[in-house]
Amino acid sequence: MCHCGKQEKLSDCCGRLIEGDDLADSAESLMRSRYSAFIEKKFEYLQETQDPQTRSILDRAANEEFALAVEFSGLEILFSQEKENKAVVEFIASYRDLKTNELSKHHEVSQFRKQAGIWYYRQGKMQVKKQGKDK
């Protein structure tokens, strides 16, 4: 099944976006595919789907370091809304730190922008909460 939580094969869901076979039809689809790209370690996709206007602030090395240091365990979409060429997606991504074995949740409210028919991730405001040790 796809990492994003949809009951489809990765190749029929986020994989087709990550591999460049299709474009996201919504900001939520793009966000789901970016979550899957973190799991699949497809860092080029994360860079390509970053809004060209905010791409210069993307810290690719930090994204790679984070993705290699954690094991994701689930995605929950809390809110998704599109209005013309702008969108907001609020989500929680659960993960375990591979070094410390601590469980955490990455809670983010993300901003997206559509340009020339293509959705891009602009920026996000996040909060990470520790949950304790995995037993």
N, C-alpha and C. Protein backbone atom coordinates (compact mmCIF):
# COMPACT_ATOMS: atom_id res chain seq x y z
N MET A 1 0.84 -1.18 0.00
CA MET A 1 0.00 0.00 0.00
C MET A 1 0.89 1.25 0.00
N CYS A 2 0.29 2.34 -0.40
CA CYS A 2 1.05 3.58 -0.48
C CYS A 2 1.38 4.10 0.92
N HIS A 3 2.53 4.70 1.04
CA HIS A 3 2.97 5.26 2.32
C HIS A 3 2.02 6.34 2.84
N CYS A 4 1.34 7.02 1.93
CA CYS A 4 0.51 8.17 2.32
C CYS A 4 -0.78 7.79 3.03
N GLY A 5 -1.07 6.49 3.08
CA GLY A 5 -2.26 6.03 3.78
C GLY A 5 -3.42 5.66 2.87
N LYS A 6 -3.33 5.99 1.62
CA LYS A 6 -4.39 5.60 0.68
C LYS A 6 -4.27 4.11 0.39
N GLN A 7 -5.39 3.48 0.17
CA GLN A 7 -5.41 2.03 -0.07
C GLN A 7 -5.14 1.71 -1.53
N GLU A 8 -4.00 2.16 -2.04
CA GLU A 8 -3.55 1.91 -3.39
C GLU A 8 -2.08 1.51 -3.34
N LYS A 9 -1.63 0.86 -4.38
CA LYS A 9 -0.20 0.55 -4.48
C LYS A 9 0.57 1.85 -4.63
N LEU A 10 1.78 1.87 -4.10
CA LEU A 10 2.65 3.05 -4.24
C LEU A 10 2.75 3.45 -5.71
N SER A 11 2.92 2.49 -6.60
CA SER A 11 3.10 2.78 -8.03
C SER A 11 1.85 3.39 -8.67
N ASP A 12 0.68 3.16 -8.07
CA ASP A 12 -0.57 3.72 -8.60
C ASP A 12 -0.97 5.01 -7.89
N CYS A 13 -0.24 5.38 -6.86
CA CYS A 13 -0.61 6.54 -6.05
C CYS A 13 0.54 7.56 -6.09
N CYS A 14 1.25 7.72 -5.02
CA CYS A 14 2.31 8.71 -4.94
C CYS A 14 3.50 8.39 -5.85
N GLY A 15 3.73 7.13 -6.11
CA GLY A 15 4.86 6.74 -6.95
C GLY A 15 4.80 7.34 -8.33
N ARG A 16 3.61 7.44 -8.90
CA ARG A 16 3.49 8.01 -10.25
C ARG A 16 3.85 9.50 -10.27
N LEU A 17 3.64 10.18 -9.14
CA LEU A 17 4.03 11.59 -9.04
C LEU A 17 5.53 11.70 -8.82
N ILE A 18 6.04 10.90 -7.90
CA ILE A 18 7.47 10.93 -7.57
C ILE A 18 8.33 10.59 -8.78
N GLU A 19 7.87 9.65 -9.59
CA GLU A 19 8.64 9.24 -10.77
C GLU A 19 8.43 10.16 -11.97
N GLY A 20 7.54 11.15 -11.84
CA GLY A 20 7.33 12.12 -12.91
C GLY A 20 6.36 11.68 -13.97
N ASP A 21 5.60 10.61 -13.70
CA ASP A 21 4.62 10.12 -14.67
C ASP A 21 3.33 10.93 -14.67
N ASP A 22 3.11 11.72 -13.64
CA ASP A 22 1.89 12.50 -13.49
C ASP A 22 2.16 13.68 -12.57
N LEU A 23 1.26 14.66 -12.61
CA LEU A 23 1.34 15.81 -11.71
C LEU A 23 0.27 15.70 -10.64
N ALA A 24 0.52 16.27 -9.49
CA ALA A 24 -0.47 16.27 -8.41
C ALA A 24 -1.69 17.07 -8.86
N ASP A 25 -2.88 16.50 -8.64
CA ASP A 25 -4.10 17.20 -9.03
C ASP A 25 -4.64 18.08 -7.91
N SER A 26 -3.97 18.08 -6.77
CA SER A 26 -4.37 18.92 -5.64
C SER A 26 -3.16 19.14 -4.74
N ALA A 27 -3.28 20.15 -3.88
CA ALA A 27 -2.21 20.40 -2.92
C ALA A 27 -2.08 19.22 -1.96
N GLU A 28 -3.22 18.63 -1.56
CA GLU A 28 -3.16 17.48 -0.67
C GLU A 28 -2.43 16.31 -1.31
N SER A 29 -2.69 16.06 -2.60
CA SER A 29 -1.98 14.99 -3.31
C SER A 29 -0.48 15.25 -3.33
N LEU A 30 -0.11 16.52 -3.54
CA LEU A 30 1.31 16.86 -3.54
C LEU A 30 1.91 16.62 -2.16
N MET A 31 1.20 17.05 -1.11
CA MET A 31 1.71 16.85 0.24
C MET A 31 1.87 15.36 0.54
N ARG A 32 0.88 14.54 0.16
CA ARG A 32 0.98 13.09 0.37
C ARG A 32 2.18 12.52 -0.37
N SER A 33 2.40 12.98 -1.60
CA SER A 33 3.54 12.46 -2.38
C SER A 33 4.87 12.90 -1.78
N ARG A 34 4.91 14.08 -1.20
CA ARG A 34 6.14 14.54 -0.56
C ARG A 34 6.44 13.70 0.69
N TYR A 35 5.40 13.34 1.44
CA TYR A 35 5.57 12.44 2.58
C TYR A 35 6.16 11.11 2.10
N SER A 36 5.57 10.57 1.03
CA SER A 36 6.08 9.30 0.48
C SER A 36 7.51 9.45 -0.03
N ALA A 37 7.82 10.62 -0.60
CA ALA A 37 9.18 10.86 -1.09
C ALA A 37 10.20 10.86 0.05
N PHE A 38 9.81 11.39 1.21
CA PHE A 38 10.69 11.32 2.38
C PHE A 38 10.99 9.86 2.72
N ILE A 39 9.97 9.03 2.71
CA ILE A 39 10.15 7.61 3.05
C ILE A 39 11.01 6.90 2.00
N GLU A 40 10.78 7.22 0.74
CA GLU A 40 11.52 6.59 -0.36
C GLU A 40 12.89 7.21 -0.60
N LYS A 41 13.21 8.26 0.17
CA LYS A 41 14.50 8.97 0.05
C LYS A 41 14.67 9.57 -1.35
N LYS A 42 13.58 10.12 -1.89
CA LYS A 42 13.58 10.77 -3.21
C LYS A 42 13.73 12.27 -3.01
N PHE A 43 14.93 12.69 -2.65
CA PHE A 43 15.20 14.07 -2.28
C PHE A 43 15.11 15.03 -3.46
N GLU A 44 15.40 14.56 -4.65
CA GLU A 44 15.29 15.40 -5.83
C GLU A 44 13.84 15.84 -6.03
N TYR A 45 12.90 14.92 -5.78
CA TYR A 45 11.48 15.24 -5.91
C TYR A 45 11.08 16.33 -4.92
N LEU A 46 11.59 16.24 -3.71
CA LEU A 46 11.28 17.27 -2.70
C LEU A 46 11.76 18.64 -3.17
N GLN A 47 12.92 18.66 -3.78
CA GLN A 47 13.46 19.93 -4.29
C GLN A 47 12.64 20.43 -5.48
N GLU A 48 12.28 19.54 -6.40
CA GLU A 48 11.53 19.93 -7.59
C GLU A 48 10.12 20.43 -7.25
N THR A 49 9.53 19.92 -6.17
CA THR A 49 8.17 20.31 -5.82
C THR A 49 8.12 21.48 -4.83
N GLN A 50 9.28 22.00 -4.48
CA GLN A 50 9.36 23.22 -3.66
C GLN A 50 9.08 24.40 -4.59
N ASP A 51 8.26 25.33 -4.13
CA ASP A 51 7.92 26.52 -4.91
C ASP A 51 9.20 27.22 -5.36
N PRO A 52 9.31 27.54 -6.66
CA PRO A 52 10.50 28.24 -7.14
C PRO A 52 10.77 29.54 -6.36
N GLN A 53 9.71 30.18 -5.85
CA GLN A 53 9.89 31.42 -5.10
C GLN A 53 10.49 31.19 -3.71
N THR A 54 10.39 29.98 -3.19
CA THR A 54 10.94 29.69 -1.85
C THR A 54 12.01 28.60 -1.89
N ARG A 55 12.38 28.18 -3.08
CA ARG A 55 13.35 27.08 -3.22
C ARG A 55 14.70 27.42 -2.59
N SER A 56 15.06 28.67 -2.59
CA SER A 56 16.37 29.06 -2.06
C SER A 56 16.46 28.84 -0.54
N ILE A 57 15.33 28.75 0.15
CA ILE A 57 15.37 28.53 1.60
C ILE A 57 15.33 27.03 1.96
N LEU A 58 15.15 26.18 0.94
CA LEU A 58 15.10 24.74 1.19
C LEU A 58 16.47 24.26 1.66
N ASP A 59 16.49 23.55 2.77
CA ASP A 59 17.73 22.99 3.30
C ASP A 59 17.73 21.50 2.96
N ARG A 60 18.20 21.18 1.77
CA ARG A 60 18.17 19.79 1.29
C ARG A 60 18.98 18.87 2.20
N ALA A 61 20.11 19.32 2.66
CA ALA A 61 20.95 18.50 3.53
C ALA A 61 20.22 18.15 4.83
N ALA A 62 19.52 19.12 5.40
CA ALA A 62 18.76 18.87 6.64
C ALA A 62 17.62 17.90 6.38
N ASN A 63 16.94 18.03 5.24
CA ASN A 63 15.87 17.10 4.89
C ASN A 63 16.41 15.67 4.77
N GLU A 64 17.53 15.54 4.09
CA GLU A 64 18.14 14.22 3.91
C GLU A 64 18.56 13.63 5.26
N GLU A 65 19.20 14.44 6.08
CA GLU A 65 19.65 13.97 7.39
C GLU A 65 18.46 13.49 8.23
N PHE A 66 17.38 14.27 8.23
CA PHE A 66 16.18 13.91 8.98
C PHE A 66 15.59 12.60 8.45
N ALA A 67 15.41 12.52 7.15
CA ALA A 67 14.78 11.33 6.55
C ALA A 67 15.58 10.06 6.80
N LEU A 68 16.88 10.18 6.86
CA LEU A 68 17.74 9.01 7.10
C LEU A 68 17.79 8.62 8.58
N ALA A 69 17.39 9.54 9.45
CA ALA A 69 17.48 9.30 10.90
C ALA A 69 16.18 8.82 11.52
N VAL A 70 15.11 8.74 10.73
CA VAL A 70 13.81 8.37 11.28
C VAL A 70 13.14 7.26 10.48
N GLU A 71 12.15 6.65 11.13
CA GLU A 71 11.29 5.67 10.46
C GLU A 71 9.86 6.18 10.59
N PHE A 72 9.26 6.56 9.47
CA PHE A 72 7.90 7.08 9.49
C PHE A 72 6.91 5.95 9.73
N SER A 73 5.84 6.27 10.46
CA SER A 73 4.86 5.23 10.79
C SER A 73 3.42 5.62 10.50
N GLY A 74 3.19 6.79 9.95
CA GLY A 74 1.82 7.13 9.59
C GLY A 74 1.64 8.59 9.27
N LEU A 75 0.59 8.84 8.49
CA LEU A 75 0.24 10.19 8.07
C LEU A 75 -1.24 10.41 8.33
N GLU A 76 -1.55 11.54 8.93
CA GLU A 76 -2.94 11.90 9.19
C GLU A 76 -3.17 13.31 8.64
N ILE A 77 -4.14 13.43 7.74
CA ILE A 77 -4.51 14.73 7.19
C ILE A 77 -5.58 15.31 8.11
N LEU A 78 -5.31 16.48 8.68
CA LEU A 78 -6.26 17.12 9.59
C LEU A 78 -7.16 18.12 8.87
N PHE A 79 -6.62 18.77 7.83
CA PHE A 79 -7.36 19.81 7.14
C PHE A 79 -6.72 20.03 5.78
N SER A 80 -7.55 20.27 4.77
CA SER A 80 -7.06 20.57 3.44
C SER A 80 -8.05 21.50 2.76
N GLN A 81 -7.55 22.63 2.26
CA GLN A 81 -8.43 23.59 1.61
C GLN A 81 -7.69 24.29 0.48
N GLU A 82 -8.33 24.36 -0.68
CA GLU A 82 -7.78 25.07 -1.83
C GLU A 82 -8.68 26.24 -2.16
N LYS A 83 -8.07 27.35 -2.55
CA LYS A 83 -8.81 28.51 -3.02
C LYS A 83 -7.99 29.13 -4.15
N GLU A 84 -8.52 28.97 -5.36
CA GLU A 84 -7.85 29.42 -6.57
C GLU A 84 -6.46 28.79 -6.68
N ASN A 85 -5.41 29.61 -6.60
CA ASN A 85 -4.06 29.05 -6.77
C ASN A 85 -3.30 28.89 -5.45
N LYS A 86 -4.02 28.94 -4.32
CA LYS A 86 -3.38 28.79 -3.01
C LYS A 86 -4.09 27.69 -2.24
N ALA A 87 -3.34 27.07 -1.35
CA ALA A 87 -3.92 25.98 -0.55
C ALA A 87 -3.21 25.87 0.78
N VAL A 88 -3.91 25.25 1.72
CA VAL A 88 -3.38 24.95 3.04
C VAL A 88 -3.67 23.48 3.32
N VAL A 89 -2.68 22.78 3.82
CA VAL A 89 -2.85 21.39 4.24
C VAL A 89 -2.22 21.26 5.62
N GLU A 90 -3.03 20.80 6.58
CA GLU A 90 -2.52 20.54 7.92
C GLU A 90 -2.44 19.04 8.10
N PHE A 91 -1.31 18.57 8.59
CA PHE A 91 -1.12 17.12 8.74
C PHE A 91 -0.25 16.80 9.94
N ILE A 92 -0.29 15.53 10.32
CA ILE A 92 0.60 15.00 11.34
C ILE A 92 1.28 13.76 10.75
N ALA A 93 2.60 13.77 10.77
CA ALA A 93 3.40 12.61 10.34
C ALA A 93 4.04 12.02 11.60
N SER A 94 3.76 10.77 11.87
CA SER A 94 4.34 10.08 13.04
C SER A 94 5.62 9.38 12.62
N TYR A 95 6.59 9.38 13.52
CA TYR A 95 7.87 8.73 13.21
C TYR A 95 8.59 8.34 14.49
N ARG A 96 9.59 7.49 14.31
CA ARG A 96 10.46 7.03 15.40
C ARG A 96 11.88 7.42 15.05
N ASP A 97 12.56 8.05 16.00
CA ASP A 97 13.97 8.40 15.84
C ASP A 97 14.78 7.11 15.94
N LEU A 98 15.54 6.79 14.92
CA LEU A 98 16.27 5.52 14.88
C LEU A 98 17.42 5.46 15.89
N LYS A 99 17.94 6.61 16.31
CA LYS A 99 19.03 6.63 17.28
C LYS A 99 18.52 6.50 18.71
N THR A 100 17.52 7.28 19.04
CA THR A 100 17.05 7.34 20.42
C THR A 100 15.83 6.46 20.69
N ASN A 101 15.21 5.97 19.61
CA ASN A 101 14.00 5.16 19.69
C ASN A 101 12.79 5.96 20.18
N GLU A 102 12.90 7.28 20.22
CA GLU A 102 11.79 8.13 20.65
C GLU A 102 10.75 8.27 19.54
N LEU A 103 9.48 8.23 19.96
CA LEU A 103 8.37 8.45 19.04
C LEU A 103 8.03 9.92 19.04
N SER A 104 7.79 10.45 17.85
CA SER A 104 7.44 11.87 17.72
C SER A 104 6.38 12.04 16.66
N LYS A 105 5.79 13.22 16.69
CA LYS A 105 4.81 13.60 15.68
C LYS A 105 5.22 14.95 15.11
N HIS A 106 5.29 15.00 13.80
CA HIS A 106 5.60 16.24 13.09
C HIS A 106 4.25 16.82 12.66
N HIS A 107 3.84 17.88 13.34
CA HIS A 107 2.55 18.53 13.07
C HIS A 107 2.85 19.80 12.29
N GLU A 108 2.31 19.88 11.08
CA GLU A 108 2.64 21.01 10.20
C GLU A 108 1.40 21.56 9.52
N VAL A 109 1.36 22.87 9.40
CA VAL A 109 0.38 23.55 8.57
C VAL A 109 1.17 24.08 7.38
N SER A 110 0.91 23.51 6.21
CA SER A 110 1.69 23.81 5.01
C SER A 110 0.94 24.72 4.06
N GLN A 111 1.69 25.58 3.41
CA GLN A 111 1.15 26.48 2.39
C GLN A 111 1.61 25.98 1.02
N PHE A 112 0.69 25.99 0.07
CA PHE A 112 0.98 25.55 -1.30
C PHE A 112 0.54 26.64 -2.28
N ARG A 113 1.16 26.61 -3.46
CA ARG A 113 0.82 27.57 -4.51
C ARG A 113 0.81 26.84 -5.85
N LYS A 114 -0.18 27.18 -6.66
CA LYS A 114 -0.28 26.59 -7.99
C LYS A 114 0.19 27.62 -9.01
N GLN A 115 1.14 27.20 -9.83
CA GLN A 115 1.70 28.08 -10.87
C GLN A 115 1.70 27.32 -12.18
N ALA A 116 1.11 27.91 -13.19
CA ALA A 116 1.04 27.30 -14.53
C ALA A 116 0.50 25.87 -14.46
N GLY A 117 -0.51 25.68 -13.61
CA GLY A 117 -1.17 24.38 -13.50
C GLY A 117 -0.44 23.36 -12.64
N ILE A 118 0.64 23.75 -11.99
CA ILE A 118 1.44 22.83 -11.18
C ILE A 118 1.42 23.29 -9.72
N TRP A 119 1.10 22.35 -8.81
CA TRP A 119 1.11 22.64 -7.38
C TRP A 119 2.54 22.56 -6.85
N TYR A 120 2.90 23.51 -5.98
CA TYR A 120 4.20 23.53 -5.32
C TYR A 120 4.00 23.74 -3.81
N TYR A 121 4.89 23.13 -3.05
CA TYR A 121 4.97 23.37 -1.60
C TYR A 121 5.71 24.69 -1.41
N ARG A 122 5.12 25.61 -0.62
CA ARG A 122 5.78 26.89 -0.35
C ARG A 122 6.56 26.88 0.95
N GLN A 123 5.85 26.61 2.03
CA GLN A 123 6.47 26.63 3.35
C GLN A 123 5.52 26.01 4.34
N GLY A 124 6.04 25.73 5.51
CA GLY A 124 5.21 25.14 6.55
C GLY A 124 5.59 25.65 7.93
N LYS A 125 4.61 25.66 8.79
CA LYS A 125 4.85 25.99 10.19
C LYS A 125 4.65 24.70 10.97
N MET A 126 5.65 24.29 11.73
CA MET A 126 5.59 22.99 12.37
C MET A 126 5.85 23.03 13.86
N GLN A 127 5.44 21.93 14.49
CA GLN A 127 5.69 21.71 15.91
C GLN A 127 5.94 20.22 16.07
N VAL A 128 7.02 19.85 16.77
CA VAL A 128 7.35 18.45 17.00
C VAL A 128 7.18 18.17 18.48
N LYS A 129 6.43 17.12 18.80
CA LYS A 129 6.21 16.73 20.19
C LYS A 129 6.76 15.32 20.42
N LYS A 130 7.53 15.17 21.45
CA LYS A 130 8.06 13.85 21.83
C LYS A 130 6.97 13.04 22.52
N GLN A 131 6.97 11.73 22.28
CA GLN A 131 5.95 10.86 22.90
C GLN A 131 6.54 9.82 23.84
N GLY A 132 7.82 9.64 23.82
CA GLY A 132 8.41 8.64 24.71
C GLY A 132 9.13 7.55 23.94
N LYS A 133 9.57 6.55 24.66
CA LYS A 133 10.34 5.44 24.07
C LYS A 133 9.40 4.40 23.47
N ASP A 134 9.86 3.78 22.37
CA ASP A 134 9.14 2.69 21.73
C ASP A 134 9.56 1.40 22.44
N LYS A 135 8.62 0.63 22.89
CA LYS A 135 8.98 -0.59 23.65
C LYS A 135 8.77 -1.82 22.83
